[in-house]
Amino acid sequence: MIVGELYDYAVIRQWTDPTMVVVTALAPTVVLGGNQSVDVLDLERVATTPLRRRRGGGGMVLVQPGDVWVDWWLPVNDHRWSADVHEMSVRAGRWWRDALVPHVTPDVVVHEGPLEGDRAHRVVCFAGRGPGEVFVNDRKAVGITQWRVREGAYLSSILHASASSDVLRFLKDPSPGLAAALDHHRLGDLVAVDGEVIVDALALASGEWRLTPHRIIP
């Protein structure tokens, strides 16, 4: 089965300006990790759902309308770029922390350690704990992935508006405990403002950017 790429990555590599991309999913879409096989999927169930592949690490994710989905392209000559992959993800997590703190009562914590979680659960991105990801009361709020090339780094982040448990029905053989591992904060239960307010706060927290919208169309 041929899976279309999430973005035109050849075009992204030509961007010379640091760019913040605000992404909108127009319909529920299954996005596979860069090296993830379609063999994990029940393709009959996926047949009516858009399927894409992103570049970068991590497992699959179900993106849905209303998600606060923000990506950043950092060319190598930008002062926020770093050769340290771990530090880049943590930096993005800190931008999210700064954007959320005014709206969230409990502590907002950025995971600065290594990748953690049951290896069997890593088939789905939001079931683990990776560098830079944001947690509130030890429950995940924001997931982060990264794709790096010689021209720069592309950081992708998302705060879901809906539960991720629907992703389980697309898996051929969900591992025990995966549903519980996918319990995460949602936009509406975390903050009392809409996603546009969070996006504006992220733009302020992360610095100077060329801003561009992108829509994922089924």
N, C-alpha and C. Protein backbone atom coordinates (compact mmCIF):
# COMPACT_ATOMS: atom_id res chain seq x y z
N MET A 1 0.84 -1.19 0.00
CA MET A 1 0.00 0.00 0.00
C MET A 1 0.88 1.25 0.00
N ILE A 2 0.63 2.16 -0.92
CA ILE A 2 1.39 3.41 -1.00
C ILE A 2 0.76 4.44 -0.06
N VAL A 3 1.58 5.02 0.80
CA VAL A 3 1.10 6.01 1.76
C VAL A 3 1.68 7.38 1.37
N GLY A 4 0.81 8.35 1.15
CA GLY A 4 1.27 9.68 0.78
C GLY A 4 1.97 10.38 1.94
N GLU A 5 2.94 11.24 1.61
CA GLU A 5 3.65 11.98 2.65
C GLU A 5 2.76 13.08 3.22
N LEU A 6 3.00 13.38 4.47
CA LEU A 6 2.21 14.40 5.16
C LEU A 6 2.42 15.78 4.54
N TYR A 7 3.68 16.09 4.22
CA TYR A 7 4.02 17.38 3.63
C TYR A 7 4.86 17.16 2.37
N ASP A 8 5.07 18.24 1.63
CA ASP A 8 6.06 18.22 0.56
C ASP A 8 7.40 18.60 1.19
N TYR A 9 8.12 17.59 1.64
CA TYR A 9 9.34 17.84 2.41
C TYR A 9 10.45 18.46 1.55
N ALA A 10 10.44 18.21 0.26
CA ALA A 10 11.43 18.83 -0.62
C ALA A 10 11.27 20.35 -0.61
N VAL A 11 10.04 20.80 -0.55
CA VAL A 11 9.78 22.25 -0.49
C VAL A 11 10.24 22.82 0.85
N ILE A 12 9.93 22.10 1.94
CA ILE A 12 10.34 22.57 3.27
C ILE A 12 11.85 22.76 3.34
N ARG A 13 12.60 21.85 2.74
CA ARG A 13 14.07 21.93 2.81
C ARG A 13 14.60 23.16 2.08
N GLN A 14 13.79 23.76 1.23
CA GLN A 14 14.22 24.95 0.51
C GLN A 14 13.91 26.24 1.25
N TRP A 15 13.14 26.14 2.35
CA TRP A 15 12.81 27.35 3.10
C TRP A 15 14.08 27.92 3.74
N THR A 16 14.31 29.19 3.54
CA THR A 16 15.49 29.83 4.13
C THR A 16 15.15 30.63 5.38
N ASP A 17 13.86 30.87 5.60
CA ASP A 17 13.43 31.62 6.79
C ASP A 17 12.91 30.67 7.86
N PRO A 18 13.17 30.97 9.15
CA PRO A 18 12.52 30.20 10.21
C PRO A 18 11.01 30.36 10.08
N THR A 19 10.30 29.26 10.11
CA THR A 19 8.88 29.28 9.78
C THR A 19 8.06 28.51 10.81
N MET A 20 6.98 29.14 11.25
CA MET A 20 6.02 28.50 12.15
C MET A 20 4.81 28.11 11.32
N VAL A 21 4.46 26.83 11.36
CA VAL A 21 3.37 26.30 10.54
C VAL A 21 2.22 25.91 11.45
N VAL A 22 1.07 26.52 11.25
CA VAL A 22 -0.13 26.17 12.01
C VAL A 22 -0.97 25.24 11.13
N VAL A 23 -1.11 24.00 11.56
CA VAL A 23 -1.72 22.97 10.72
C VAL A 23 -3.15 22.69 11.17
N THR A 24 -4.03 22.52 10.20
CA THR A 24 -5.42 22.20 10.47
C THR A 24 -5.78 20.89 9.78
N ALA A 25 -6.27 19.93 10.54
CA ALA A 25 -6.78 18.70 9.95
C ALA A 25 -8.26 18.90 9.63
N LEU A 26 -8.63 18.72 8.39
CA LEU A 26 -10.01 18.92 7.98
C LEU A 26 -10.88 17.70 8.27
N ALA A 27 -10.25 16.57 8.54
CA ALA A 27 -10.96 15.34 8.89
C ALA A 27 -10.01 14.46 9.67
N PRO A 28 -10.50 13.51 10.48
CA PRO A 28 -9.61 12.59 11.18
C PRO A 28 -8.66 11.92 10.20
N THR A 29 -7.37 11.95 10.51
CA THR A 29 -6.34 11.43 9.62
C THR A 29 -5.34 10.61 10.41
N VAL A 30 -5.01 9.42 9.94
CA VAL A 30 -3.99 8.58 10.57
C VAL A 30 -2.64 8.95 9.97
N VAL A 31 -1.68 9.29 10.83
CA VAL A 31 -0.35 9.68 10.38
C VAL A 31 0.66 8.69 10.96
N LEU A 32 1.35 7.97 10.07
CA LEU A 32 2.37 7.01 10.49
C LEU A 32 3.69 7.71 10.76
N GLY A 33 4.49 7.13 11.67
CA GLY A 33 5.84 7.62 11.90
C GLY A 33 6.71 7.34 10.68
N GLY A 34 7.85 8.01 10.61
CA GLY A 34 8.70 7.96 9.42
C GLY A 34 9.12 6.56 9.02
N ASN A 35 9.43 5.70 9.99
CA ASN A 35 9.93 4.36 9.68
C ASN A 35 8.92 3.28 10.03
N GLN A 36 7.68 3.67 10.21
CA GLN A 36 6.66 2.72 10.68
C GLN A 36 6.03 1.96 9.51
N SER A 37 5.90 0.65 9.68
CA SER A 37 5.32 -0.19 8.64
C SER A 37 3.80 -0.14 8.67
N VAL A 38 3.19 -0.23 7.50
CA VAL A 38 1.73 -0.30 7.44
C VAL A 38 1.22 -1.63 7.99
N ASP A 39 2.15 -2.56 8.25
CA ASP A 39 1.74 -3.88 8.76
C ASP A 39 1.09 -3.80 10.13
N VAL A 40 1.29 -2.69 10.84
CA VAL A 40 0.66 -2.55 12.16
C VAL A 40 -0.82 -2.22 12.04
N LEU A 41 -1.26 -1.89 10.83
CA LEU A 41 -2.63 -1.41 10.62
C LEU A 41 -3.56 -2.51 10.12
N ASP A 42 -4.81 -2.38 10.50
CA ASP A 42 -5.89 -3.15 9.88
C ASP A 42 -6.36 -2.31 8.70
N LEU A 43 -5.88 -2.65 7.52
CA LEU A 43 -6.09 -1.78 6.36
C LEU A 43 -7.55 -1.71 5.94
N GLU A 44 -8.33 -2.72 6.26
CA GLU A 44 -9.76 -2.65 5.93
C GLU A 44 -10.44 -1.54 6.74
N ARG A 45 -10.00 -1.37 7.97
CA ARG A 45 -10.59 -0.32 8.80
C ARG A 45 -10.08 1.06 8.42
N VAL A 46 -8.84 1.11 7.92
CA VAL A 46 -8.26 2.39 7.54
C VAL A 46 -8.79 2.86 6.19
N ALA A 47 -9.39 1.95 5.43
CA ALA A 47 -9.74 2.21 4.03
C ALA A 47 -10.49 3.52 3.82
N THR A 48 -11.37 3.88 4.73
CA THR A 48 -12.17 5.10 4.56
C THR A 48 -11.59 6.30 5.30
N THR A 49 -10.42 6.12 5.90
CA THR A 49 -9.78 7.21 6.67
C THR A 49 -8.50 7.64 5.97
N PRO A 50 -8.28 8.94 5.78
CA PRO A 50 -7.03 9.40 5.16
C PRO A 50 -5.81 8.87 5.92
N LEU A 51 -4.80 8.45 5.18
CA LEU A 51 -3.58 7.88 5.77
C LEU A 51 -2.39 8.62 5.18
N ARG A 52 -1.52 9.15 6.05
CA ARG A 52 -0.34 9.88 5.63
C ARG A 52 0.87 9.38 6.43
N ARG A 53 2.05 9.78 5.96
CA ARG A 53 3.28 9.46 6.70
C ARG A 53 4.08 10.73 6.90
N ARG A 54 4.51 10.95 8.14
CA ARG A 54 5.39 12.08 8.40
C ARG A 54 6.83 11.58 8.40
N ARG A 55 7.77 12.46 8.27
CA ARG A 55 9.17 12.11 8.43
C ARG A 55 9.57 12.41 9.87
N GLY A 56 10.48 11.63 10.39
CA GLY A 56 10.88 11.79 11.78
C GLY A 56 10.52 10.56 12.58
N GLY A 57 10.92 10.56 13.83
CA GLY A 57 10.73 9.41 14.68
C GLY A 57 9.34 9.32 15.27
N GLY A 58 9.15 8.28 16.07
CA GLY A 58 7.90 8.12 16.79
C GLY A 58 6.92 7.22 16.07
N GLY A 59 5.80 6.95 16.76
CA GLY A 59 4.78 6.07 16.23
C GLY A 59 3.67 6.85 15.54
N MET A 60 2.57 6.13 15.30
CA MET A 60 1.45 6.75 14.59
C MET A 60 0.67 7.68 15.51
N VAL A 61 -0.06 8.59 14.89
CA VAL A 61 -0.90 9.52 15.64
C VAL A 61 -2.18 9.75 14.85
N LEU A 62 -3.27 9.89 15.56
CA LEU A 62 -4.54 10.23 14.93
C LEU A 62 -4.77 11.73 15.13
N VAL A 63 -4.70 12.49 14.04
CA VAL A 63 -4.96 13.93 14.13
C VAL A 63 -6.40 14.19 13.75
N GLN A 64 -7.03 15.17 14.42
CA GLN A 64 -8.44 15.41 14.23
C GLN A 64 -8.72 16.92 14.20
N PRO A 65 -9.84 17.31 13.59
CA PRO A 65 -10.20 18.72 13.59
C PRO A 65 -10.25 19.28 15.02
N GLY A 66 -9.74 20.47 15.18
CA GLY A 66 -9.72 21.10 16.50
C GLY A 66 -8.42 20.95 17.25
N ASP A 67 -7.56 20.01 16.82
CA ASP A 67 -6.26 19.86 17.47
C ASP A 67 -5.44 21.14 17.31
N VAL A 68 -4.69 21.48 18.35
CA VAL A 68 -3.73 22.59 18.24
C VAL A 68 -2.41 21.98 17.76
N TRP A 69 -2.18 22.14 16.48
CA TRP A 69 -1.06 21.47 15.81
C TRP A 69 -0.14 22.54 15.26
N VAL A 70 1.05 22.64 15.83
CA VAL A 70 2.00 23.70 15.46
C VAL A 70 3.36 23.08 15.17
N ASP A 71 3.92 23.42 14.02
CA ASP A 71 5.25 22.94 13.63
C ASP A 71 6.18 24.13 13.44
N TRP A 72 7.48 23.87 13.55
CA TRP A 72 8.49 24.91 13.32
C TRP A 72 9.59 24.37 12.42
N TRP A 73 9.96 25.16 11.44
CA TRP A 73 11.14 24.86 10.62
C TRP A 73 12.25 25.81 11.04
N LEU A 74 13.39 25.23 11.43
CA LEU A 74 14.53 26.03 11.86
C LEU A 74 15.72 25.72 10.96
N PRO A 75 16.08 26.65 10.06
CA PRO A 75 17.29 26.42 9.25
C PRO A 75 18.53 26.45 10.14
N VAL A 76 19.59 25.83 9.66
CA VAL A 76 20.78 25.66 10.49
C VAL A 76 21.43 26.99 10.88
N ASN A 77 21.16 28.05 10.14
CA ASN A 77 21.78 29.34 10.46
C ASN A 77 20.95 30.16 11.44
N ASP A 78 19.83 29.61 11.92
CA ASP A 78 19.01 30.31 12.90
C ASP A 78 19.59 30.08 14.30
N HIS A 79 19.52 31.10 15.15
CA HIS A 79 20.14 31.00 16.47
C HIS A 79 19.44 29.98 17.38
N ARG A 80 18.22 29.58 17.03
CA ARG A 80 17.49 28.60 17.84
C ARG A 80 17.78 27.16 17.43
N TRP A 81 18.46 26.98 16.31
CA TRP A 81 18.84 25.64 15.86
C TRP A 81 19.99 25.13 16.73
N SER A 82 20.01 23.83 16.98
CA SER A 82 21.10 23.22 17.74
C SER A 82 21.45 21.88 17.13
N ALA A 83 22.73 21.53 17.18
CA ALA A 83 23.17 20.22 16.71
C ALA A 83 22.72 19.12 17.67
N ASP A 84 22.31 19.50 18.86
CA ASP A 84 21.85 18.55 19.87
C ASP A 84 20.36 18.27 19.66
N VAL A 85 20.05 17.07 19.19
CA VAL A 85 18.66 16.69 18.89
C VAL A 85 17.78 16.80 20.14
N HIS A 86 18.30 16.30 21.24
CA HIS A 86 17.56 16.31 22.50
C HIS A 86 17.23 17.74 22.92
N GLU A 87 18.21 18.62 22.84
CA GLU A 87 18.01 20.00 23.26
C GLU A 87 16.97 20.71 22.40
N MET A 88 16.93 20.40 21.12
CA MET A 88 15.95 21.03 20.24
C MET A 88 14.52 20.68 20.66
N SER A 89 14.30 19.42 21.00
CA SER A 89 12.96 19.01 21.42
C SER A 89 12.58 19.64 22.75
N VAL A 90 13.53 19.69 23.66
CA VAL A 90 13.28 20.32 24.96
C VAL A 90 12.97 21.80 24.79
N ARG A 91 13.66 22.44 23.87
CA ARG A 91 13.41 23.86 23.61
C ARG A 91 11.97 24.08 23.15
N ALA A 92 11.50 23.23 22.25
CA ALA A 92 10.11 23.35 21.79
C ALA A 92 9.13 23.11 22.94
N GLY A 93 9.46 22.16 23.81
CA GLY A 93 8.61 21.91 24.97
C GLY A 93 8.53 23.12 25.89
N ARG A 94 9.63 23.83 26.02
CA ARG A 94 9.64 25.03 26.87
C ARG A 94 8.79 26.13 26.25
N TRP A 95 8.75 26.22 24.93
CA TRP A 95 7.86 27.20 24.29
C TRP A 95 6.41 26.88 24.65
N TRP A 96 6.08 25.60 24.58
CA TRP A 96 4.72 25.18 24.94
C TRP A 96 4.44 25.47 26.42
N ARG A 97 5.40 25.19 27.27
CA ARG A 97 5.20 25.46 28.71
C ARG A 97 4.92 26.94 28.94
N ASP A 98 5.69 27.80 28.30
CA ASP A 98 5.49 29.24 28.49
C ASP A 98 4.12 29.68 27.96
N ALA A 99 3.65 29.02 26.89
CA ALA A 99 2.35 29.38 26.33
C ALA A 99 1.20 28.89 27.21
N LEU A 100 1.39 27.76 27.88
CA LEU A 100 0.30 27.17 28.66
C LEU A 100 0.21 27.68 30.10
N VAL A 101 1.35 28.05 30.67
CA VAL A 101 1.39 28.41 32.10
C VAL A 101 0.35 29.46 32.49
N PRO A 102 0.11 30.51 31.70
CA PRO A 102 -0.90 31.49 32.12
C PRO A 102 -2.32 30.94 32.17
N HIS A 103 -2.55 29.79 31.55
CA HIS A 103 -3.91 29.26 31.43
C HIS A 103 -4.13 27.97 32.20
N VAL A 104 -3.07 27.43 32.81
CA VAL A 104 -3.16 26.13 33.48
C VAL A 104 -2.79 26.30 34.94
N THR A 105 -3.67 25.81 35.85
CA THR A 105 -3.42 25.96 37.28
C THR A 105 -2.33 25.03 37.79
N PRO A 106 -2.37 23.73 37.50
CA PRO A 106 -1.30 22.86 38.00
C PRO A 106 0.03 23.15 37.31
N ASP A 107 1.09 22.54 37.83
CA ASP A 107 2.41 22.72 37.23
C ASP A 107 2.46 22.13 35.83
N VAL A 108 3.11 22.86 34.94
CA VAL A 108 3.36 22.39 33.58
C VAL A 108 4.82 21.96 33.51
N VAL A 109 5.06 20.70 33.19
CA VAL A 109 6.41 20.14 33.26
C VAL A 109 6.86 19.67 31.89
N VAL A 110 8.08 20.02 31.51
CA VAL A 110 8.68 19.55 30.26
C VAL A 110 9.56 18.35 30.58
N HIS A 111 9.34 17.25 29.87
CA HIS A 111 10.15 16.05 30.08
C HIS A 111 11.53 16.28 29.44
N GLU A 112 12.56 16.33 30.25
CA GLU A 112 13.89 16.60 29.76
C GLU A 112 14.76 15.35 29.74
N GLY A 113 14.19 14.21 30.10
CA GLY A 113 14.92 12.96 30.10
C GLY A 113 14.83 12.24 28.76
N PRO A 114 15.28 10.99 28.71
CA PRO A 114 15.25 10.21 27.46
C PRO A 114 13.85 9.66 27.19
N LEU A 115 13.72 8.97 26.09
CA LEU A 115 12.46 8.32 25.74
C LEU A 115 12.12 7.27 26.79
N GLU A 116 10.86 7.29 27.25
CA GLU A 116 10.41 6.35 28.27
C GLU A 116 9.09 5.73 27.85
N GLY A 117 8.79 4.57 28.47
CA GLY A 117 7.51 3.93 28.21
C GLY A 117 7.68 2.51 27.70
N ASP A 118 6.62 1.74 27.79
CA ASP A 118 6.61 0.36 27.32
C ASP A 118 6.91 0.32 25.82
N ARG A 119 7.91 -0.44 25.43
CA ARG A 119 8.30 -0.51 24.02
C ARG A 119 7.14 -0.97 23.14
N ALA A 120 6.31 -1.87 23.67
CA ALA A 120 5.17 -2.38 22.89
C ALA A 120 4.13 -1.30 22.62
N HIS A 121 4.14 -0.25 23.44
CA HIS A 121 3.16 0.83 23.27
C HIS A 121 3.64 1.91 22.30
N ARG A 122 4.89 1.86 21.88
CA ARG A 122 5.45 2.92 21.05
C ARG A 122 4.91 2.93 19.63
N VAL A 123 4.08 1.95 19.32
CA VAL A 123 3.41 1.96 18.02
C VAL A 123 2.56 3.21 17.86
N VAL A 124 2.09 3.77 18.98
CA VAL A 124 1.31 5.01 18.96
C VAL A 124 2.12 6.10 19.67
N CYS A 125 2.26 7.23 19.03
CA CYS A 125 3.15 8.28 19.51
C CYS A 125 2.80 8.77 20.92
N PHE A 126 1.52 8.96 21.20
CA PHE A 126 1.13 9.59 22.45
C PHE A 126 1.17 8.64 23.64
N ALA A 127 1.56 7.38 23.44
CA ALA A 127 1.57 6.42 24.54
C ALA A 127 2.89 6.44 25.31
N GLY A 128 3.88 7.16 24.83
CA GLY A 128 5.18 7.20 25.51
C GLY A 128 5.47 8.56 26.11
N ARG A 129 6.72 8.75 26.47
CA ARG A 129 7.18 10.00 27.08
C ARG A 129 8.53 10.32 26.45
N GLY A 130 8.54 11.35 25.60
CA GLY A 130 9.76 11.68 24.88
C GLY A 130 10.32 13.03 25.28
N PRO A 131 11.58 13.30 24.90
CA PRO A 131 12.21 14.58 25.24
C PRO A 131 11.38 15.76 24.73
N GLY A 132 11.18 16.75 25.60
CA GLY A 132 10.46 17.95 25.25
C GLY A 132 8.96 17.87 25.40
N GLU A 133 8.42 16.68 25.58
CA GLU A 133 6.97 16.57 25.67
C GLU A 133 6.48 17.15 27.00
N VAL A 134 5.26 17.66 26.96
CA VAL A 134 4.74 18.47 28.07
C VAL A 134 3.70 17.69 28.84
N PHE A 135 3.82 17.74 30.18
CA PHE A 135 2.93 17.01 31.07
C PHE A 135 2.34 17.96 32.12
N VAL A 136 1.09 17.71 32.45
CA VAL A 136 0.41 18.44 33.52
C VAL A 136 -0.15 17.41 34.48
N ASN A 137 0.27 17.50 35.75
CA ASN A 137 -0.09 16.48 36.73
C ASN A 137 0.29 15.09 36.25
N ASP A 138 1.46 14.97 35.65
CA ASP A 138 2.02 13.70 35.18
C ASP A 138 1.19 13.05 34.07
N ARG A 139 0.37 13.83 33.40
CA ARG A 139 -0.46 13.34 32.30
C ARG A 139 -0.08 14.13 31.06
N LYS A 140 0.15 13.42 29.95
CA LYS A 140 0.65 14.11 28.77
C LYS A 140 -0.34 15.13 28.24
N ALA A 141 0.20 16.28 27.84
CA ALA A 141 -0.60 17.32 27.21
C ALA A 141 -0.16 17.57 25.78
N VAL A 142 1.16 17.59 25.53
CA VAL A 142 1.69 17.93 24.22
C VAL A 142 2.71 16.89 23.78
N GLY A 143 2.53 16.38 22.57
CA GLY A 143 3.50 15.46 21.96
C GLY A 143 4.40 16.21 20.99
N ILE A 144 5.66 15.76 20.88
CA ILE A 144 6.65 16.43 20.03
C ILE A 144 7.44 15.39 19.25
N THR A 145 7.62 15.64 17.95
CA THR A 145 8.52 14.83 17.13
C THR A 145 9.45 15.76 16.36
N GLN A 146 10.49 15.18 15.75
CA GLN A 146 11.50 16.01 15.09
C GLN A 146 12.05 15.30 13.86
N TRP A 147 12.24 16.05 12.80
CA TRP A 147 12.88 15.56 11.58
C TRP A 147 14.05 16.48 11.27
N ARG A 148 15.22 15.89 11.03
CA ARG A 148 16.42 16.69 10.82
C ARG A 148 17.08 16.35 9.50
N VAL A 149 17.52 17.38 8.80
CA VAL A 149 18.27 17.24 7.56
C VAL A 149 19.40 18.26 7.59
N ARG A 150 20.25 18.22 6.58
CA ARG A 150 21.42 19.12 6.63
C ARG A 150 21.03 20.59 6.59
N GLU A 151 19.85 20.89 6.02
CA GLU A 151 19.42 22.29 5.92
C GLU A 151 18.79 22.83 7.20
N GLY A 152 18.34 21.94 8.09
CA GLY A 152 17.69 22.41 9.30
C GLY A 152 16.93 21.32 10.03
N ALA A 153 16.06 21.73 10.91
CA ALA A 153 15.27 20.80 11.71
C ALA A 153 13.80 21.21 11.65
N TYR A 154 12.93 20.21 11.59
CA TYR A 154 11.48 20.44 11.55
C TYR A 154 10.89 19.82 12.81
N LEU A 155 10.36 20.67 13.68
CA LEU A 155 9.76 20.24 14.94
C LEU A 155 8.24 20.24 14.80
N SER A 156 7.62 19.15 15.17
CA SER A 156 6.17 19.04 15.06
C SER A 156 5.59 18.79 16.44
N SER A 157 4.51 19.51 16.78
CA SER A 157 3.93 19.38 18.12
C SER A 157 2.41 19.45 18.04
N ILE A 158 1.76 18.80 19.01
CA ILE A 158 0.30 18.79 18.99
C ILE A 158 -0.29 18.66 20.39
N LEU A 159 -1.33 19.44 20.62
CA LEU A 159 -2.19 19.32 21.79
C LEU A 159 -3.55 18.89 21.24
N HIS A 160 -3.96 17.67 21.57
CA HIS A 160 -5.18 17.13 20.99
C HIS A 160 -6.43 17.79 21.56
N ALA A 161 -7.42 17.92 20.71
CA ALA A 161 -8.73 18.40 21.15
C ALA A 161 -9.64 17.24 21.52
N SER A 162 -9.32 16.04 21.03
CA SER A 162 -10.14 14.86 21.26
C SER A 162 -9.28 13.72 21.79
N ALA A 163 -9.92 12.71 22.33
CA ALA A 163 -9.20 11.54 22.83
C ALA A 163 -8.52 10.81 21.68
N SER A 164 -7.38 10.17 21.99
CA SER A 164 -6.65 9.41 20.98
C SER A 164 -7.07 7.94 20.93
N SER A 165 -7.97 7.54 21.81
CA SER A 165 -8.32 6.12 21.90
C SER A 165 -8.92 5.57 20.61
N ASP A 166 -9.50 6.43 19.77
CA ASP A 166 -10.04 5.97 18.49
C ASP A 166 -8.98 5.35 17.60
N VAL A 167 -7.72 5.70 17.84
CA VAL A 167 -6.64 5.15 17.01
C VAL A 167 -6.55 3.64 17.16
N LEU A 168 -7.01 3.10 18.28
CA LEU A 168 -6.90 1.67 18.54
C LEU A 168 -7.65 0.83 17.51
N ARG A 169 -8.73 1.35 17.00
CA ARG A 169 -9.52 0.55 16.05
C ARG A 169 -8.82 0.39 14.72
N PHE A 170 -7.78 1.18 14.46
CA PHE A 170 -7.03 1.04 13.21
C PHE A 170 -5.87 0.05 13.33
N LEU A 171 -5.56 -0.37 14.55
CA LEU A 171 -4.43 -1.27 14.76
C LEU A 171 -4.85 -2.72 14.58
N LYS A 172 -3.96 -3.49 13.99
CA LYS A 172 -4.23 -4.90 13.76
C LYS A 172 -4.24 -5.68 15.07
N ASP A 173 -3.33 -5.35 15.95
CA ASP A 173 -3.20 -6.12 17.21
C ASP A 173 -2.74 -5.19 18.33
N PRO A 174 -3.65 -4.38 18.90
CA PRO A 174 -3.26 -3.47 19.99
C PRO A 174 -2.70 -4.23 21.18
N SER A 175 -1.61 -3.77 21.74
CA SER A 175 -1.00 -4.45 22.88
C SER A 175 -1.77 -4.15 24.16
N PRO A 176 -1.75 -5.08 25.12
CA PRO A 176 -2.44 -4.86 26.40
C PRO A 176 -1.91 -3.60 27.09
N GLY A 177 -2.81 -2.82 27.64
CA GLY A 177 -2.42 -1.61 28.36
C GLY A 177 -2.26 -0.38 27.49
N LEU A 178 -2.37 -0.54 26.16
CA LEU A 178 -2.16 0.61 25.28
C LEU A 178 -3.25 1.66 25.46
N ALA A 179 -4.48 1.22 25.65
CA ALA A 179 -5.58 2.19 25.83
C ALA A 179 -5.33 3.08 27.04
N ALA A 180 -4.89 2.48 28.15
CA ALA A 180 -4.61 3.25 29.36
C ALA A 180 -3.43 4.20 29.15
N ALA A 181 -2.43 3.75 28.38
CA ALA A 181 -1.25 4.58 28.13
C ALA A 181 -1.59 5.79 27.26
N LEU A 182 -2.70 5.72 26.54
CA LEU A 182 -3.10 6.81 25.65
C LEU A 182 -3.97 7.85 26.33
N ASP A 183 -4.18 7.72 27.62
CA ASP A 183 -4.95 8.73 28.34
C ASP A 183 -4.14 10.02 28.41
N HIS A 184 -4.67 11.09 27.88
CA HIS A 184 -3.94 12.35 27.85
C HIS A 184 -4.90 13.52 28.03
N HIS A 185 -4.33 14.68 28.33
CA HIS A 185 -5.13 15.90 28.42
C HIS A 185 -5.65 16.27 27.04
N ARG A 186 -6.80 16.93 27.03
CA ARG A 186 -7.35 17.50 25.81
C ARG A 186 -7.48 19.00 25.98
N LEU A 187 -7.51 19.70 24.87
CA LEU A 187 -7.55 21.16 24.90
C LEU A 187 -8.62 21.68 25.85
N GLY A 188 -9.85 21.17 25.72
CA GLY A 188 -10.97 21.70 26.48
C GLY A 188 -10.92 21.43 27.96
N ASP A 189 -10.27 20.32 28.37
CA ASP A 189 -10.20 20.05 29.81
C ASP A 189 -8.95 20.64 30.44
N LEU A 190 -8.06 21.18 29.60
CA LEU A 190 -6.80 21.72 30.11
C LEU A 190 -6.84 23.24 30.27
N VAL A 191 -7.45 23.91 29.29
CA VAL A 191 -7.50 25.38 29.31
C VAL A 191 -8.91 25.85 28.98
N ALA A 192 -9.20 27.07 29.39
CA ALA A 192 -10.54 27.65 29.16
C ALA A 192 -10.54 28.60 27.96
N VAL A 193 -9.47 28.58 27.17
CA VAL A 193 -9.38 29.43 25.99
C VAL A 193 -9.35 28.55 24.75
N ASP A 194 -9.59 29.16 23.58
CA ASP A 194 -9.58 28.35 22.37
C ASP A 194 -8.17 28.20 21.83
N GLY A 195 -8.05 27.36 20.81
CA GLY A 195 -6.73 27.05 20.28
C GLY A 195 -5.99 28.24 19.70
N GLU A 196 -6.71 29.22 19.16
CA GLU A 196 -6.05 30.38 18.57
C GLU A 196 -5.26 31.17 19.61
N VAL A 197 -5.77 31.21 20.83
CA VAL A 197 -5.07 31.91 21.91
C VAL A 197 -3.75 31.21 22.21
N ILE A 198 -3.77 29.89 22.23
CA ILE A 198 -2.55 29.12 22.49
C ILE A 198 -1.56 29.30 21.35
N VAL A 199 -2.04 29.29 20.12
CA VAL A 199 -1.15 29.50 18.97
C VAL A 199 -0.48 30.87 19.05
N ASP A 200 -1.24 31.89 19.38
CA ASP A 200 -0.66 33.23 19.51
C ASP A 200 0.40 33.26 20.61
N ALA A 201 0.12 32.58 21.72
CA ALA A 201 1.09 32.53 22.82
C ALA A 201 2.35 31.78 22.41
N LEU A 202 2.20 30.73 21.61
CA LEU A 202 3.37 29.99 21.12
C LEU A 202 4.22 30.85 20.21
N ALA A 203 3.58 31.65 19.39
CA ALA A 203 4.32 32.54 18.49
C ALA A 203 5.16 33.53 19.29
N LEU A 204 4.60 34.04 20.38
CA LEU A 204 5.34 34.97 21.23
C LEU A 204 6.46 34.28 21.99
N ALA A 205 6.19 33.07 22.47
CA ALA A 205 7.17 32.36 23.29
C ALA A 205 8.37 31.88 22.49
N SER A 206 8.15 31.58 21.21
CA SER A 206 9.20 30.93 20.43
C SER A 206 10.04 31.89 19.60
N GLY A 207 9.59 33.13 19.41
CA GLY A 207 10.44 34.11 18.75
C GLY A 207 9.92 34.58 17.40
N GLU A 208 10.84 35.08 16.57
CA GLU A 208 10.48 35.65 15.27
C GLU A 208 10.34 34.54 14.23
N TRP A 209 9.19 34.57 13.52
CA TRP A 209 8.92 33.53 12.52
C TRP A 209 8.20 34.12 11.32
N ARG A 210 8.37 33.46 10.20
CA ARG A 210 7.43 33.62 9.09
C ARG A 210 6.28 32.66 9.40
N LEU A 211 5.07 33.17 9.42
CA LEU A 211 3.91 32.35 9.80
C LEU A 211 3.18 31.88 8.55
N THR A 212 2.88 30.58 8.50
CA THR A 212 2.17 30.05 7.35
C THR A 212 1.15 29.01 7.78
N PRO A 213 -0.07 29.07 7.25
CA PRO A 213 -1.06 28.03 7.56
C PRO A 213 -0.90 26.84 6.63
N HIS A 214 -1.33 25.68 7.07
CA HIS A 214 -1.29 24.49 6.23
C HIS A 214 -2.51 23.65 6.57
N ARG A 215 -3.19 23.16 5.57
CA ARG A 215 -4.36 22.33 5.81
C ARG A 215 -4.13 20.94 5.27
N ILE A 216 -4.41 19.95 6.10
CA ILE A 216 -4.31 18.56 5.66
C ILE A 216 -5.66 18.17 5.09
N ILE A 217 -5.71 17.99 3.78
CA ILE A 217 -6.97 17.70 3.11
C ILE A 217 -7.05 16.23 2.78
N PRO A 218 -8.14 15.57 3.16
CA PRO A 218 -8.26 14.12 2.87
C PRO A 218 -8.12 13.82 1.38
